[in-house]
Amino acid sequence: MKHIYKTSLYRIILNIGLGFFVSAFIALLTSFLIKNTFIQLLIFVGVYAAYIWLVVLDNIITIEVDDSKAVIKKGKTAKTYPLDTTSFRAVITTRRQRNSVISTDTECMLYITPENGNEEMVNCELIGKYKFQQLIEDLGISGDSSPVNKIDTKKEY
């Protein structure tokens, strides 16, 4: 069965809003050093454009997983990875500020090692944490279809 994981509109809007506040904060800090309003506006626009380009547009992806392969589409490029010859690993990191009720940052990274041995990193933050967890189950990293890893420990006396 084919599963498609696309970038979430909510995550895009959230990152656009965060970029606005980050850019405004940097423009506010530079206003103490630079008194020219036009230059402050240019700094705001430059930081905001860079944030949108690097954090949002560069990470818009679509991942298709079926029984035999995974296809990762990023922009106009698409890479196909056969599931039987490719190794996958995933990292989900949630950072929380002290004394904060909500989590402030969740990072979802997928690491792909094809047959050639060169590990590639795919930032899956924009598909969202719950879709990412479904993705790693479909890839066989976690869940009922994942292999059991036995860990041997050595005791030192």
C-alpha atoms as a PDB file:
ATOM      1  CA  MET A   1       0.000   0.000   0.000  1.00  0.00           C
ATOM      2  CA  LYS A   2       1.302   3.431  -0.935  1.00  0.00           C
ATOM      3  CA  HIS A   3       1.528   6.145   1.733  1.00  0.00           C
ATOM      4  CA  ILE A   4       2.221   9.795   0.901  1.00  0.00           C
ATOM      5  CA  TYR A   5       3.603  12.239   3.459  1.00  0.00           C
ATOM      6  CA  LYS A   6       3.451  15.902   2.475  1.00  0.00           C
ATOM      7  CA  THR A   7       4.523  19.102   4.124  1.00  0.00           C
ATOM      8  CA  SER A   8       1.835  20.303   6.520  1.00  0.00           C
ATOM      9  CA  LEU A   9       0.299  23.725   5.831  1.00  0.00           C
ATOM     10  CA  TYR A  10       0.142  24.302   9.590  1.00  0.00           C
ATOM     11  CA  ARG A  11       3.922  23.786   9.910  1.00  0.00           C
ATOM     12  CA  ILE A  12       4.580  26.196   7.018  1.00  0.00           C
ATOM     13  CA  ILE A  13       2.377  28.914   8.547  1.00  0.00           C
ATOM     14  CA  LEU A  14       3.953  28.346  11.968  1.00  0.00           C
ATOM     15  CA  ASN A  15       7.468  28.738  10.565  1.00  0.00           C
ATOM     16  CA  ILE A  16       6.494  31.830   8.559  1.00  0.00           C
ATOM     17  CA  GLY A  17       5.153  33.394  11.776  1.00  0.00           C
ATOM     18  CA  LEU A  18       8.260  32.430  13.747  1.00  0.00           C
ATOM     19  CA  GLY A  19      10.415  33.903  10.991  1.00  0.00           C
ATOM     20  CA  PHE A  20       8.501  37.172  11.213  1.00  0.00           C
ATOM     21  CA  PHE A  21       9.102  37.443  14.957  1.00  0.00           C
ATOM     22  CA  VAL A  22      12.773  36.473  14.661  1.00  0.00           C
ATOM     23  CA  SER A  23      13.276  39.086  11.940  1.00  0.00           C
ATOM     24  CA  ALA A  24      11.446  41.749  13.948  1.00  0.00           C
ATOM     25  CA  PHE A  25      13.559  40.949  17.020  1.00  0.00           C
ATOM     26  CA  ILE A  26      16.800  41.245  15.048  1.00  0.00           C
ATOM     27  CA  ALA A  27      15.598  44.504  13.476  1.00  0.00           C
ATOM     28  CA  LEU A  28      14.755  45.799  16.958  1.00  0.00           C
ATOM     29  CA  LEU A  29      18.229  44.923  18.224  1.00  0.00           C
ATOM     30  CA  THR A  30      19.889  46.646  15.285  1.00  0.00           C
ATOM     31  CA  SER A  31      17.749  49.758  15.847  1.00  0.00           C
ATOM     32  CA  PHE A  32      19.935  50.563  18.860  1.00  0.00           C
ATOM     33  CA  LEU A  33      22.993  50.696  16.597  1.00  0.00           C
ATOM     34  CA  ILE A  34      21.506  51.984  13.343  1.00  0.00           C
ATOM     35  CA  LYS A  35      19.177  54.975  13.450  1.00  0.00           C
ATOM     36  CA  ASN A  36      18.244  54.955   9.759  1.00  0.00           C
ATOM     37  CA  THR A  37      14.746  53.470   9.395  1.00  0.00           C
ATOM     38  CA  PHE A  38      15.308  52.415   5.791  1.00  0.00           C
ATOM     39  CA  ILE A  39      18.367  50.345   6.721  1.00  0.00           C
ATOM     40  CA  GLN A  40      16.434  48.780   9.610  1.00  0.00           C
ATOM     41  CA  LEU A  41      13.692  47.838   7.149  1.00  0.00           C
ATOM     42  CA  LEU A  42      16.273  46.334   4.784  1.00  0.00           C
ATOM     43  CA  ILE A  43      17.721  44.278   7.652  1.00  0.00           C
ATOM     44  CA  PHE A  44      14.230  43.035   8.568  1.00  0.00           C
ATOM     45  CA  VAL A  45      13.400  42.102   4.971  1.00  0.00           C
ATOM     46  CA  GLY A  46      16.793  40.457   4.431  1.00  0.00           C
ATOM     47  CA  VAL A  47      16.612  38.336   7.580  1.00  0.00           C
ATOM     48  CA  TYR A  48      12.990  37.396   6.880  1.00  0.00           C
ATOM     49  CA  ALA A  49      13.730  36.424   3.267  1.00  0.00           C
ATOM     50  CA  ALA A  50      16.735  34.347   4.342  1.00  0.00           C
ATOM     51  CA  TYR A  51      14.661  32.601   7.020  1.00  0.00           C
ATOM     52  CA  ILE A  52      11.848  31.805   4.585  1.00  0.00           C
ATOM     53  CA  TRP A  53      14.333  30.516   1.994  1.00  0.00           C
ATOM     54  CA  LEU A  54      16.470  28.411   4.332  1.00  0.00           C
ATOM     55  CA  VAL A  55      13.890  27.112   6.799  1.00  0.00           C
ATOM     56  CA  VAL A  56      10.648  26.889   4.837  1.00  0.00           C
ATOM     57  CA  LEU A  57      11.216  26.692   1.083  1.00  0.00           C
ATOM     58  CA  ASP A  58      14.341  24.547   1.292  1.00  0.00           C
ATOM     59  CA  ASN A  59      12.565  21.931   3.442  1.00  0.00           C
ATOM     60  CA  ILE A  60       9.290  21.444   1.550  1.00  0.00           C
ATOM     61  CA  ILE A  61       9.230  17.724   0.776  1.00  0.00           C
ATOM     62  CA  THR A  62       6.944  14.900  -0.250  1.00  0.00           C
ATOM     63  CA  ILE A  63       7.773  11.341   0.760  1.00  0.00           C
ATOM     64  CA  GLU A  64       6.054   8.381  -0.889  1.00  0.00           C
ATOM     65  CA  VAL A  65       6.479   4.925   0.635  1.00  0.00           C
ATOM     66  CA  ASP A  66       5.176   1.675  -0.812  1.00  0.00           C
ATOM     67  CA  ASP A  67       6.078  -1.976  -0.291  1.00  0.00           C
ATOM     68  CA  SER A  68       9.332  -1.860  -2.275  1.00  0.00           C
ATOM     69  CA  LYS A  69      10.656   1.701  -2.366  1.00  0.00           C
ATOM     70  CA  ALA A  70      10.676   5.163  -0.830  1.00  0.00           C
ATOM     71  CA  VAL A  71      10.622   8.248  -3.055  1.00  0.00           C
ATOM     72  CA  ILE A  72      11.697  11.589  -1.610  1.00  0.00           C
ATOM     73  CA  LYS A  73      10.708  14.639  -3.647  1.00  0.00           C
ATOM     74  CA  LYS A  74      12.371  17.908  -2.754  1.00  0.00           C
ATOM     75  CA  GLY A  75      11.716  20.733  -5.171  1.00  0.00           C
ATOM     76  CA  LYS A  76      12.034  19.405  -8.711  1.00  0.00           C
ATOM     77  CA  THR A  77      14.284  16.489  -7.770  1.00  0.00           C
ATOM     78  CA  ALA A  78      13.099  13.054  -6.759  1.00  0.00           C
ATOM     79  CA  LYS A  79      15.292  10.315  -5.314  1.00  0.00           C
ATOM     80  CA  THR A  80      14.189   6.700  -5.152  1.00  0.00           C
ATOM     81  CA  TYR A  81      15.491   4.341  -2.478  1.00  0.00           C
ATOM     82  CA  PRO A  82      14.740   0.602  -2.610  1.00  0.00           C
ATOM     83  CA  LEU A  83      13.689  -0.521   0.868  1.00  0.00           C
ATOM     84  CA  ASP A  84      15.537  -3.838   0.752  1.00  0.00           C
ATOM     85  CA  THR A  85      18.982  -2.298   0.068  1.00  0.00           C
ATOM     86  CA  THR A  86      18.675   0.980   1.969  1.00  0.00           C
ATOM     87  CA  SER A  87      19.197   1.570   5.674  1.00  0.00           C
ATOM     88  CA  PHE A  88      17.037   4.146   7.460  1.00  0.00           C
ATOM     89  CA  ARG A  89      17.313   5.708  10.893  1.00  0.00           C
ATOM     90  CA  ALA A  90      15.283   8.481  12.483  1.00  0.00           C
ATOM     91  CA  VAL A  91      15.818  11.060  15.205  1.00  0.00           C
ATOM     92  CA  ILE A  92      13.036  13.039  16.902  1.00  0.00           C
ATOM     93  CA  THR A  93      14.254  15.775  19.235  1.00  0.00           C
ATOM     94  CA  THR A  94      11.860  17.922  21.256  1.00  0.00           C
ATOM     95  CA  ARG A  95      13.350  20.862  23.102  1.00  0.00           C
ATOM     96  CA  ARG A  96      11.413  22.544  25.862  1.00  0.00           C
ATOM     97  CA  GLN A  97      12.115  25.825  27.565  1.00  0.00           C
ATOM     98  CA  ARG A  98      12.293  25.811  31.334  1.00  0.00           C
ATOM     99  CA  ASN A  99       9.059  26.808  33.033  1.00  0.00           C
ATOM    100  CA  SER A 100       7.217  26.496  29.723  1.00  0.00           C
ATOM    101  CA  VAL A 101       3.979  24.604  29.280  1.00  0.00           C
ATOM    102  CA  ILE A 102       4.340  23.962  25.555  1.00  0.00           C
ATOM    103  CA  SER A 103       7.237  22.404  23.699  1.00  0.00           C
ATOM    104  CA  THR A 104       9.023  25.033  21.684  1.00  0.00           C
ATOM    105  CA  ASP A 105      10.860  23.029  19.053  1.00  0.00           C
ATOM    106  CA  THR A 106      10.525  19.560  17.582  1.00  0.00           C
ATOM    107  CA  GLU A 107      13.117  18.377  15.109  1.00  0.00           C
ATOM    108  CA  CYS A 108      12.455  15.322  12.913  1.00  0.00           C
ATOM    109  CA  MET A 109      15.421  13.991  10.960  1.00  0.00           C
ATOM    110  CA  LEU A 110      15.518  10.987   8.655  1.00  0.00           C
ATOM    111  CA  TYR A 111      18.938   9.542   7.843  1.00  0.00           C
ATOM    112  CA  ILE A 112      19.183   7.426   4.703  1.00  0.00           C
ATOM    113  CA  THR A 113      22.129   5.186   3.851  1.00  0.00           C
ATOM    114  CA  PRO A 114      21.841   3.691   0.347  1.00  0.00           C
ATOM    115  CA  GLU A 115      24.033   0.883  -1.001  1.00  0.00           C
ATOM    116  CA  ASN A 116      26.956   3.235  -1.721  1.00  0.00           C
ATOM    117  CA  GLY A 117      27.303   3.950   2.019  1.00  0.00           C
ATOM    118  CA  ASN A 118      26.952   7.757   1.839  1.00  0.00           C
ATOM    119  CA  GLU A 119      24.491   8.788   4.537  1.00  0.00           C
ATOM    120  CA  GLU A 120      22.012  11.484   3.538  1.00  0.00           C
ATOM    121  CA  MET A 121      19.990  13.598   5.951  1.00  0.00           C
ATOM    122  CA  VAL A 122      16.399  14.651   5.244  1.00  0.00           C
ATOM    123  CA  ASN A 123      14.814  17.328   7.439  1.00  0.00           C
ATOM    124  CA  CYS A 124      11.224  16.183   7.997  1.00  0.00           C
ATOM    125  CA  GLU A 125      10.217  18.925  10.428  1.00  0.00           C
ATOM    126  CA  LEU A 126       7.620  20.373   8.059  1.00  0.00           C
ATOM    127  CA  ILE A 127       5.652  17.122   7.747  1.00  0.00           C
ATOM    128  CA  GLY A 128       5.025  17.178  11.492  1.00  0.00           C
ATOM    129  CA  LYS A 129       5.895  14.892  14.373  1.00  0.00           C
ATOM    130  CA  TYR A 130       2.901  12.532  14.124  1.00  0.00           C
ATOM    131  CA  LYS A 131       3.170  12.042  10.358  1.00  0.00           C
ATOM    132  CA  PHE A 132       6.903  11.466  10.844  1.00  0.00           C
ATOM    133  CA  GLN A 133       6.165   8.736  13.393  1.00  0.00           C
ATOM    134  CA  GLN A 134       3.828   7.086  10.860  1.00  0.00           C
ATOM    135  CA  LEU A 135       6.557   7.399   8.228  1.00  0.00           C
ATOM    136  CA  ILE A 136       9.169   5.633  10.333  1.00  0.00           C
ATOM    137  CA  GLU A 137       6.680   2.834  11.019  1.00  0.00           C
ATOM    138  CA  ASP A 138       6.086   2.453   7.270  1.00  0.00           C
ATOM    139  CA  LEU A 139       9.841   2.327   6.702  1.00  0.00           C
ATOM    140  CA  GLY A 140      10.169  -0.425   9.310  1.00  0.00           C
ATOM    141  CA  ILE A 141      12.256   1.612  11.748  1.00  0.00           C
ATOM    142  CA  SER A 142       9.750   1.317  14.589  1.00  0.00           C
ATOM    143  CA  GLY A 143       6.492  -0.466  15.232  1.00  0.00           C
ATOM    144  CA  ASP A 144       5.541  -4.117  14.781  1.00  0.00           C
ATOM    145  CA  SER A 145       7.540  -4.592  11.568  1.00  0.00           C
ATOM    146  CA  SER A 146      10.829  -3.323  12.997  1.00  0.00           C
ATOM    147  CA  PRO A 147      13.602  -5.787  13.779  1.00  0.00           C
ATOM    148  CA  VAL A 148      14.522  -6.467  17.377  1.00  0.00           C
ATOM    149  CA  ASN A 149      17.940  -5.142  18.353  1.00  0.00           C
ATOM    150  CA  LYS A 150      19.718  -7.092  21.051  1.00  0.00           C
ATOM    151  CA  ILE A 151      22.095  -5.038  23.145  1.00  0.00           C
ATOM    152  CA  ASP A 152      24.924  -6.762  24.968  1.00  0.00           C
ATOM    153  CA  THR A 153      26.265  -4.938  27.985  1.00  0.00           C
ATOM    154  CA  LYS A 154      29.574  -5.498  29.658  1.00  0.00           C
ATOM    155  CA  LYS A 155      29.915  -4.993  33.369  1.00  0.00           C
ATOM    156  CA  GLU A 156      33.197  -3.622  34.579  1.00  0.00           C
ATOM    157  CA  TYR A 157      34.212  -4.302  38.142  1.00  0.00           C
END
